[in-house]
Amino acid sequence: MEVRIQKIQLAIPYALNAFSPGRGFLPDDYPYAKTKVIPLDEKRMVAHFADGIEIPMRPFFGSMGIAPPDVTGRISSNPPWVHAGNLDNKDLVAGTTLFIPIHAKRGAVRGWRRPCGPGDGEVDVTALETSLIGTFQFIVRKDMHLRWPRAETPTHYITWGCIQT
């Protein structure tokens, strides 16, 4: 399945960032839960994290995928795998094409988890999570015989090494 990401727009003017006790990169430093609402400036494409702190926005769909192989049965949406899923790659922006191997005849396509302030990882388990509106073009590619997802940006090729846990 070729998924051309044509356009991504903000659906709401805010994002959320949250962490829970014992999770994330520094679990011992933050033994409490916290959720922060962050206003978004769509015109300037920045998130107002705090006074004097603005985070550039580059919205992307952190999770996109199709039906996994029928033989796997029900699986978690958290780890990515051969069906794509929670790839969390900040380069899955407008202008990028995602290629996903088709494993099931009922190949439903799904997109969820919409970060808008990407970094190189999620220290506290979430990004600046918001709601997005996407415009996509879907093409069934019978000429491609992929085993794993891959993507192409205007300047790069992207591959993933995923395991099922």
N, C-alpha and C. Protein backbone atom coordinates (compact mmCIF):
# COMPACT_ATOMS: atom_id res chain seq x y z
N MET A 1 0.85 -1.17 0.00
CA MET A 1 0.00 0.00 0.00
C MET A 1 0.90 1.23 0.00
N GLU A 2 0.70 2.09 -0.94
CA GLU A 2 1.42 3.36 -1.00
C GLU A 2 0.50 4.42 -0.40
N VAL A 3 0.98 5.10 0.63
CA VAL A 3 0.20 6.15 1.29
C VAL A 3 0.95 7.47 1.10
N ARG A 4 0.42 8.29 0.24
CA ARG A 4 1.01 9.61 0.00
C ARG A 4 0.38 10.61 0.97
N ILE A 5 1.21 11.17 1.83
CA ILE A 5 0.74 12.15 2.80
C ILE A 5 0.76 13.50 2.10
N GLN A 6 -0.41 13.99 1.73
CA GLN A 6 -0.48 15.20 0.91
C GLN A 6 -0.59 16.48 1.73
N LYS A 7 -1.34 16.43 2.82
CA LYS A 7 -1.56 17.65 3.60
C LYS A 7 -1.87 17.28 5.05
N ILE A 8 -1.36 18.07 5.98
CA ILE A 8 -1.66 17.88 7.40
C ILE A 8 -1.99 19.25 7.98
N GLN A 9 -3.15 19.34 8.64
CA GLN A 9 -3.58 20.58 9.26
C GLN A 9 -3.94 20.33 10.72
N LEU A 10 -3.79 21.36 11.54
CA LEU A 10 -4.24 21.28 12.92
C LEU A 10 -5.76 21.30 12.96
N ALA A 11 -6.35 20.47 13.80
CA ALA A 11 -7.81 20.46 13.96
C ALA A 11 -8.25 21.27 15.17
N ILE A 12 -7.35 21.42 16.15
CA ILE A 12 -7.65 22.16 17.37
C ILE A 12 -6.45 23.06 17.72
N PRO A 13 -6.65 24.13 18.52
CA PRO A 13 -5.55 25.06 18.80
C PRO A 13 -4.72 24.72 20.04
N TYR A 14 -4.68 23.47 20.44
CA TYR A 14 -3.87 23.10 21.61
C TYR A 14 -3.35 21.68 21.47
N ALA A 15 -2.36 21.38 22.28
CA ALA A 15 -1.80 20.03 22.37
C ALA A 15 -1.70 19.66 23.84
N LEU A 16 -1.55 18.38 24.10
CA LEU A 16 -1.36 17.88 25.47
C LEU A 16 -0.03 17.16 25.55
N ASN A 17 0.61 17.27 26.70
CA ASN A 17 1.78 16.48 27.01
C ASN A 17 1.55 15.92 28.40
N ALA A 18 1.81 14.63 28.57
CA ALA A 18 1.52 13.99 29.86
C ALA A 18 2.57 12.96 30.18
N PHE A 19 2.74 12.73 31.47
CA PHE A 19 3.58 11.62 31.90
C PHE A 19 2.97 10.98 33.13
N SER A 20 3.31 9.73 33.34
CA SER A 20 2.78 8.95 34.45
C SER A 20 3.91 8.47 35.33
N PRO A 21 3.65 8.19 36.60
CA PRO A 21 4.70 7.71 37.50
C PRO A 21 5.36 6.43 36.96
N GLY A 22 6.69 6.41 37.06
CA GLY A 22 7.43 5.20 36.70
C GLY A 22 7.58 4.96 35.21
N ARG A 23 7.20 5.91 34.36
CA ARG A 23 7.31 5.73 32.92
C ARG A 23 8.22 6.79 32.33
N GLY A 24 8.69 6.55 31.13
CA GLY A 24 9.52 7.52 30.44
C GLY A 24 10.99 7.31 30.72
N PHE A 25 11.79 8.26 30.26
CA PHE A 25 13.24 8.16 30.33
C PHE A 25 13.79 8.41 31.73
N LEU A 26 13.11 9.22 32.53
CA LEU A 26 13.57 9.56 33.88
C LEU A 26 12.50 9.20 34.92
N PRO A 27 12.12 7.94 35.03
CA PRO A 27 10.98 7.58 35.90
C PRO A 27 11.20 7.90 37.37
N ASP A 28 12.42 7.81 37.86
CA ASP A 28 12.67 8.07 39.27
C ASP A 28 12.61 9.57 39.60
N ASP A 29 12.86 10.41 38.62
CA ASP A 29 12.85 11.85 38.84
C ASP A 29 11.43 12.43 38.85
N TYR A 30 10.47 11.68 38.31
CA TYR A 30 9.09 12.17 38.22
C TYR A 30 8.13 11.09 38.70
N PRO A 31 8.02 10.90 40.02
CA PRO A 31 7.15 9.85 40.56
C PRO A 31 5.68 10.28 40.70
N TYR A 32 5.27 11.26 39.91
CA TYR A 32 3.89 11.75 39.96
C TYR A 32 3.38 11.90 38.52
N ALA A 33 2.09 12.05 38.36
CA ALA A 33 1.48 12.24 37.04
C ALA A 33 1.25 13.73 36.79
N LYS A 34 1.38 14.12 35.54
CA LYS A 34 1.12 15.52 35.17
C LYS A 34 0.68 15.59 33.71
N THR A 35 -0.29 16.44 33.45
CA THR A 35 -0.73 16.72 32.09
C THR A 35 -0.66 18.22 31.88
N LYS A 36 -0.09 18.64 30.77
CA LYS A 36 0.05 20.06 30.46
C LYS A 36 -0.67 20.35 29.16
N VAL A 37 -1.47 21.41 29.13
CA VAL A 37 -2.14 21.88 27.92
C VAL A 37 -1.25 22.96 27.32
N ILE A 38 -0.92 22.81 26.04
CA ILE A 38 -0.01 23.73 25.37
C ILE A 38 -0.75 24.42 24.21
N PRO A 39 -0.90 25.75 24.25
CA PRO A 39 -1.54 26.47 23.15
C PRO A 39 -0.68 26.40 21.88
N LEU A 40 -1.35 26.28 20.73
CA LEU A 40 -0.68 26.19 19.44
C LEU A 40 -0.98 27.43 18.60
N ASP A 41 0.05 27.97 17.97
CA ASP A 41 -0.11 29.12 17.07
C ASP A 41 0.07 28.59 15.65
N GLU A 42 -1.06 28.31 14.99
CA GLU A 42 -1.01 27.71 13.65
C GLU A 42 -0.41 28.67 12.61
N LYS A 43 -0.64 29.95 12.78
CA LYS A 43 -0.11 30.93 11.82
C LYS A 43 1.42 30.94 11.85
N ARG A 44 2.01 30.91 13.04
CA ARG A 44 3.48 30.91 13.19
C ARG A 44 4.06 29.50 13.27
N MET A 45 3.18 28.50 13.39
CA MET A 45 3.56 27.08 13.54
C MET A 45 4.52 26.86 14.71
N VAL A 46 4.12 27.38 15.88
CA VAL A 46 4.87 27.17 17.11
C VAL A 46 3.90 26.80 18.23
N ALA A 47 4.40 26.05 19.19
CA ALA A 47 3.66 25.71 20.40
C ALA A 47 4.23 26.56 21.53
N HIS A 48 3.35 27.22 22.29
CA HIS A 48 3.78 28.07 23.42
C HIS A 48 3.86 27.18 24.67
N PHE A 49 5.01 26.58 24.90
CA PHE A 49 5.17 25.63 26.00
C PHE A 49 5.14 26.33 27.36
N ALA A 50 5.82 27.47 27.44
CA ALA A 50 5.86 28.28 28.67
C ALA A 50 6.35 29.67 28.29
N ASP A 51 6.33 30.60 29.24
CA ASP A 51 6.83 31.94 28.95
C ASP A 51 8.25 31.86 28.40
N GLY A 52 8.45 32.41 27.21
CA GLY A 52 9.78 32.42 26.60
C GLY A 52 10.20 31.12 25.94
N ILE A 53 9.34 30.09 25.99
CA ILE A 53 9.69 28.80 25.38
C ILE A 53 8.67 28.47 24.30
N GLU A 54 9.11 28.52 23.05
CA GLU A 54 8.27 28.15 21.92
C GLU A 54 8.91 26.96 21.21
N ILE A 55 8.09 26.00 20.86
CA ILE A 55 8.57 24.79 20.20
C ILE A 55 8.06 24.81 18.76
N PRO A 56 8.98 24.73 17.77
CA PRO A 56 8.52 24.70 16.38
C PRO A 56 7.65 23.47 16.13
N MET A 57 6.55 23.67 15.38
CA MET A 57 5.65 22.55 15.08
C MET A 57 5.92 22.02 13.67
N ARG A 58 5.86 20.72 13.57
CA ARG A 58 5.96 20.03 12.29
C ARG A 58 5.05 18.80 12.42
N PRO A 59 3.74 19.00 12.28
CA PRO A 59 2.78 17.92 12.54
C PRO A 59 3.03 16.68 11.69
N PHE A 60 2.84 15.52 12.32
CA PHE A 60 2.98 14.25 11.60
C PHE A 60 2.06 13.22 12.24
N PHE A 61 1.76 12.17 11.49
CA PHE A 61 0.95 11.08 12.02
C PHE A 61 1.91 10.04 12.59
N GLY A 62 1.99 9.95 13.92
CA GLY A 62 2.92 9.04 14.58
C GLY A 62 2.58 7.58 14.38
N SER A 63 1.32 7.30 14.17
CA SER A 63 0.88 5.92 13.93
C SER A 63 -0.02 5.88 12.71
N MET A 64 0.38 5.07 11.77
CA MET A 64 -0.44 4.80 10.59
C MET A 64 -0.18 3.34 10.24
N GLY A 65 -1.21 2.65 9.85
CA GLY A 65 -0.98 1.25 9.51
C GLY A 65 -2.17 0.62 8.84
N ILE A 66 -2.00 -0.63 8.51
CA ILE A 66 -3.06 -1.43 7.91
C ILE A 66 -3.24 -2.69 8.74
N ALA A 67 -4.17 -3.52 8.34
CA ALA A 67 -4.43 -4.76 9.09
C ALA A 67 -3.18 -5.64 9.11
N PRO A 68 -2.84 -6.19 10.27
CA PRO A 68 -1.70 -7.11 10.34
C PRO A 68 -2.06 -8.45 9.71
N PRO A 69 -1.08 -9.34 9.56
CA PRO A 69 -1.39 -10.67 9.02
C PRO A 69 -2.47 -11.36 9.85
N ASP A 70 -3.40 -12.03 9.18
CA ASP A 70 -4.51 -12.71 9.87
C ASP A 70 -4.02 -13.70 10.93
N VAL A 71 -2.89 -14.36 10.68
CA VAL A 71 -2.41 -15.39 11.60
C VAL A 71 -1.98 -14.83 12.96
N THR A 72 -1.76 -13.50 13.05
CA THR A 72 -1.30 -12.92 14.32
C THR A 72 -2.43 -12.73 15.31
N GLY A 73 -3.67 -12.69 14.82
CA GLY A 73 -4.77 -12.42 15.73
C GLY A 73 -4.71 -10.99 16.23
N ARG A 74 -5.22 -10.77 17.41
CA ARG A 74 -5.26 -9.43 17.99
C ARG A 74 -3.87 -9.04 18.51
N ILE A 75 -3.41 -7.83 18.16
CA ILE A 75 -2.08 -7.38 18.62
C ILE A 75 -2.20 -5.99 19.23
N SER A 76 -1.19 -5.61 19.99
CA SER A 76 -1.13 -4.29 20.60
C SER A 76 -0.87 -3.24 19.53
N SER A 77 -1.43 -2.05 19.72
CA SER A 77 -1.17 -0.95 18.79
C SER A 77 0.09 -0.18 19.19
N ASN A 78 0.71 -0.54 20.30
CA ASN A 78 1.86 0.22 20.78
C ASN A 78 3.13 -0.04 19.98
N PRO A 79 3.63 -1.26 19.86
CA PRO A 79 4.87 -1.43 19.09
C PRO A 79 4.57 -1.49 17.59
N PRO A 80 5.43 -0.88 16.76
CA PRO A 80 5.28 -1.02 15.32
C PRO A 80 5.67 -2.43 14.88
N TRP A 81 5.24 -2.79 13.68
CA TRP A 81 5.58 -4.12 13.16
C TRP A 81 5.40 -4.11 11.65
N VAL A 82 5.20 -5.26 11.03
CA VAL A 82 5.12 -5.37 9.57
C VAL A 82 3.93 -4.61 8.99
N HIS A 83 2.93 -4.32 9.79
CA HIS A 83 1.74 -3.58 9.34
C HIS A 83 1.91 -2.07 9.51
N ALA A 84 3.07 -1.63 9.93
CA ALA A 84 3.43 -0.25 10.26
C ALA A 84 2.99 0.02 11.69
N GLY A 85 1.94 0.81 11.93
CA GLY A 85 1.52 1.07 13.30
C GLY A 85 2.24 2.25 13.92
N ASN A 86 2.66 2.12 15.14
CA ASN A 86 3.24 3.21 15.93
C ASN A 86 4.70 3.46 15.53
N LEU A 87 4.92 3.93 14.31
CA LEU A 87 6.27 4.15 13.79
C LEU A 87 6.94 5.35 14.45
N ASP A 88 6.15 6.33 14.89
CA ASP A 88 6.66 7.53 15.58
C ASP A 88 7.87 8.16 14.90
N ASN A 89 7.78 8.34 13.60
CA ASN A 89 8.88 8.95 12.87
C ASN A 89 8.49 10.37 12.48
N LYS A 90 9.26 11.35 12.96
CA LYS A 90 8.93 12.76 12.75
C LYS A 90 9.03 13.18 11.29
N ASP A 91 9.49 12.31 10.42
CA ASP A 91 9.55 12.63 8.99
C ASP A 91 8.32 12.17 8.22
N LEU A 92 7.31 11.63 8.91
CA LEU A 92 6.07 11.24 8.24
C LEU A 92 5.15 12.46 8.13
N VAL A 93 5.65 13.48 7.44
CA VAL A 93 4.96 14.76 7.27
C VAL A 93 4.40 14.86 5.85
N ALA A 94 3.68 15.95 5.57
CA ALA A 94 3.18 16.19 4.22
C ALA A 94 4.36 16.18 3.25
N GLY A 95 4.18 15.47 2.14
CA GLY A 95 5.25 15.33 1.16
C GLY A 95 5.98 14.01 1.25
N THR A 96 5.74 13.25 2.31
CA THR A 96 6.36 11.93 2.49
C THR A 96 5.40 10.85 2.01
N THR A 97 5.96 9.78 1.49
CA THR A 97 5.16 8.62 1.08
C THR A 97 5.56 7.43 1.94
N LEU A 98 4.56 6.78 2.54
CA LEU A 98 4.78 5.59 3.36
C LEU A 98 4.35 4.38 2.55
N PHE A 99 5.20 3.37 2.51
CA PHE A 99 4.88 2.11 1.82
C PHE A 99 4.70 1.04 2.88
N ILE A 100 3.56 0.36 2.87
CA ILE A 100 3.25 -0.65 3.87
C ILE A 100 2.91 -1.96 3.16
N PRO A 101 3.55 -3.07 3.52
CA PRO A 101 3.19 -4.34 2.90
C PRO A 101 1.76 -4.74 3.27
N ILE A 102 1.03 -5.25 2.30
CA ILE A 102 -0.34 -5.70 2.55
C ILE A 102 -0.29 -7.17 2.95
N HIS A 103 -0.86 -7.47 4.12
CA HIS A 103 -0.82 -8.82 4.66
C HIS A 103 -2.19 -9.48 4.75
N ALA A 104 -3.25 -8.70 4.55
CA ALA A 104 -4.59 -9.25 4.72
C ALA A 104 -5.50 -8.70 3.62
N LYS A 105 -6.41 -9.52 3.15
CA LYS A 105 -7.34 -9.08 2.11
C LYS A 105 -8.24 -7.96 2.58
N ARG A 106 -8.49 -7.91 3.87
CA ARG A 106 -9.35 -6.86 4.41
C ARG A 106 -8.53 -5.65 4.86
N GLY A 107 -7.50 -5.33 4.17
CA GLY A 107 -6.50 -4.32 4.53
C GLY A 107 -7.00 -2.95 4.91
N ALA A 108 -7.67 -2.83 6.02
CA ALA A 108 -8.12 -1.53 6.50
C ALA A 108 -6.93 -0.63 6.80
N VAL A 109 -7.09 0.67 6.51
CA VAL A 109 -6.04 1.65 6.79
C VAL A 109 -6.48 2.46 7.99
N ARG A 110 -5.53 2.77 8.86
CA ARG A 110 -5.87 3.51 10.07
C ARG A 110 -4.74 4.47 10.41
N GLY A 111 -5.10 5.66 10.89
CA GLY A 111 -4.12 6.63 11.36
C GLY A 111 -4.55 7.16 12.71
N TRP A 112 -3.63 7.29 13.62
CA TRP A 112 -3.93 7.81 14.96
C TRP A 112 -2.64 8.34 15.55
N ARG A 113 -2.63 8.83 16.75
CA ARG A 113 -1.48 9.46 17.41
C ARG A 113 -0.93 10.57 16.54
N ARG A 114 -1.26 11.77 16.88
CA ARG A 114 -0.92 12.90 16.04
C ARG A 114 -0.05 13.91 16.79
N PRO A 115 1.25 13.68 16.83
CA PRO A 115 2.14 14.66 17.47
C PRO A 115 2.33 15.89 16.57
N CYS A 116 2.58 17.04 17.18
CA CYS A 116 2.82 18.23 16.38
C CYS A 116 4.16 18.89 16.69
N GLY A 117 4.82 18.49 17.77
CA GLY A 117 6.12 19.06 18.12
C GLY A 117 7.16 17.96 18.20
N PRO A 118 7.57 17.42 17.07
CA PRO A 118 8.45 16.25 17.10
C PRO A 118 9.86 16.57 17.56
N GLY A 119 10.41 15.61 18.27
CA GLY A 119 11.80 15.67 18.66
C GLY A 119 12.44 14.36 18.24
N ASP A 120 13.51 14.00 18.88
CA ASP A 120 14.16 12.73 18.58
C ASP A 120 13.90 11.76 19.72
N GLY A 121 12.63 11.49 19.97
CA GLY A 121 12.23 10.58 21.03
C GLY A 121 11.22 11.24 21.94
N GLU A 122 10.72 10.47 22.88
CA GLU A 122 9.73 10.97 23.82
C GLU A 122 10.23 10.67 25.22
N VAL A 123 10.84 11.65 25.86
CA VAL A 123 11.43 11.46 27.17
C VAL A 123 10.38 11.05 28.20
N ASP A 124 9.18 11.62 28.09
CA ASP A 124 8.14 11.33 29.08
C ASP A 124 7.02 10.45 28.51
N VAL A 125 7.23 9.76 27.42
CA VAL A 125 6.32 8.81 26.79
C VAL A 125 5.32 9.46 25.83
N THR A 126 5.11 10.77 25.90
CA THR A 126 4.23 11.42 24.94
C THR A 126 4.96 12.58 24.28
N ALA A 127 4.45 12.99 23.13
CA ALA A 127 4.95 14.18 22.45
C ALA A 127 3.97 15.31 22.74
N LEU A 128 3.96 16.34 21.92
CA LEU A 128 2.90 17.33 21.98
C LEU A 128 1.75 16.75 21.16
N GLU A 129 0.86 16.04 21.84
CA GLU A 129 -0.21 15.29 21.17
C GLU A 129 -1.39 16.22 20.89
N THR A 130 -1.88 16.19 19.65
CA THR A 130 -3.00 17.04 19.26
C THR A 130 -3.90 16.29 18.30
N SER A 131 -4.85 16.98 17.72
CA SER A 131 -5.74 16.40 16.73
C SER A 131 -5.42 17.02 15.38
N LEU A 132 -5.29 16.18 14.36
CA LEU A 132 -4.92 16.64 13.03
C LEU A 132 -5.94 16.20 11.99
N ILE A 133 -5.95 16.92 10.88
CA ILE A 133 -6.74 16.55 9.71
C ILE A 133 -5.75 16.24 8.61
N GLY A 134 -5.85 15.06 8.02
CA GLY A 134 -4.91 14.66 6.98
C GLY A 134 -5.59 14.43 5.64
N THR A 135 -4.86 14.73 4.58
CA THR A 135 -5.29 14.42 3.22
C THR A 135 -4.28 13.41 2.68
N PHE A 136 -4.78 12.25 2.26
CA PHE A 136 -3.92 11.16 1.81
C PHE A 136 -4.37 10.66 0.44
N GLN A 137 -3.44 10.09 -0.28
CA GLN A 137 -3.77 9.35 -1.49
C GLN A 137 -3.30 7.92 -1.26
N PHE A 138 -4.20 6.95 -1.47
CA PHE A 138 -3.89 5.53 -1.27
C PHE A 138 -3.80 4.84 -2.62
N ILE A 139 -2.71 4.11 -2.82
CA ILE A 139 -2.51 3.39 -4.07
C ILE A 139 -2.11 1.96 -3.72
N VAL A 140 -2.85 0.98 -4.24
CA VAL A 140 -2.48 -0.42 -4.06
C VAL A 140 -1.40 -0.73 -5.08
N ARG A 141 -0.22 -1.10 -4.60
CA ARG A 141 0.94 -1.35 -5.46
C ARG A 141 1.16 -2.85 -5.60
N LYS A 142 0.64 -3.44 -6.63
CA LYS A 142 0.83 -4.88 -6.86
C LYS A 142 2.23 -5.19 -7.39
N ASP A 143 2.97 -4.15 -7.80
CA ASP A 143 4.33 -4.35 -8.31
C ASP A 143 5.38 -4.37 -7.20
N MET A 144 5.00 -4.00 -5.99
CA MET A 144 5.95 -3.99 -4.87
C MET A 144 5.71 -5.21 -3.99
N HIS A 145 6.76 -5.83 -3.54
CA HIS A 145 6.65 -7.02 -2.70
C HIS A 145 7.46 -6.79 -1.42
N LEU A 146 6.97 -5.86 -0.62
CA LEU A 146 7.66 -5.49 0.62
C LEU A 146 7.36 -6.49 1.73
N ARG A 147 8.31 -6.62 2.64
CA ARG A 147 8.07 -7.41 3.84
C ARG A 147 7.93 -6.51 5.06
N TRP A 148 8.48 -5.29 4.98
CA TRP A 148 8.46 -4.34 6.09
C TRP A 148 8.13 -2.95 5.55
N PRO A 149 7.61 -2.06 6.39
CA PRO A 149 7.31 -0.70 5.95
C PRO A 149 8.59 0.06 5.59
N ARG A 150 8.43 1.00 4.71
CA ARG A 150 9.51 1.94 4.39
C ARG A 150 8.86 3.23 3.94
N ALA A 151 9.65 4.30 3.85
CA ALA A 151 9.09 5.59 3.45
C ALA A 151 10.10 6.33 2.59
N GLU A 152 9.59 7.30 1.87
CA GLU A 152 10.43 8.19 1.07
C GLU A 152 10.00 9.62 1.32
N THR A 153 10.96 10.45 1.69
CA THR A 153 10.72 11.89 1.79
C THR A 153 11.26 12.50 0.50
N PRO A 154 11.10 13.79 0.30
CA PRO A 154 11.70 14.39 -0.90
C PRO A 154 13.23 14.24 -0.95
N THR A 155 13.87 13.97 0.20
CA THR A 155 15.34 13.90 0.23
C THR A 155 15.92 12.60 0.79
N HIS A 156 15.09 11.73 1.41
CA HIS A 156 15.63 10.56 2.10
C HIS A 156 14.78 9.32 1.89
N TYR A 157 15.41 8.16 2.08
CA TYR A 157 14.72 6.88 2.19
C TYR A 157 14.74 6.47 3.65
N ILE A 158 13.65 5.92 4.15
CA ILE A 158 13.56 5.54 5.55
C ILE A 158 13.18 4.06 5.64
N THR A 159 13.89 3.31 6.48
CA THR A 159 13.52 1.93 6.78
C THR A 159 13.41 1.79 8.29
N TRP A 160 12.71 0.76 8.72
CA TRP A 160 12.53 0.50 10.15
C TRP A 160 12.97 -0.93 10.45
N GLY A 161 13.51 -1.11 11.62
CA GLY A 161 13.77 -2.43 12.16
C GLY A 161 12.82 -2.62 13.34
N CYS A 162 11.81 -3.43 13.18
CA CYS A 162 10.78 -3.57 14.20
C CYS A 162 10.71 -5.02 14.66
N ILE A 163 10.40 -5.19 15.93
CA ILE A 163 10.19 -6.53 16.46
C ILE A 163 8.82 -6.55 17.14
N GLN A 164 8.22 -7.68 17.19
CA GLN A 164 6.96 -7.80 17.92
C GLN A 164 7.26 -8.29 19.32
N THR A 165 6.69 -7.59 20.31
CA THR A 165 6.94 -7.99 21.70
C THR A 165 5.71 -8.59 22.30
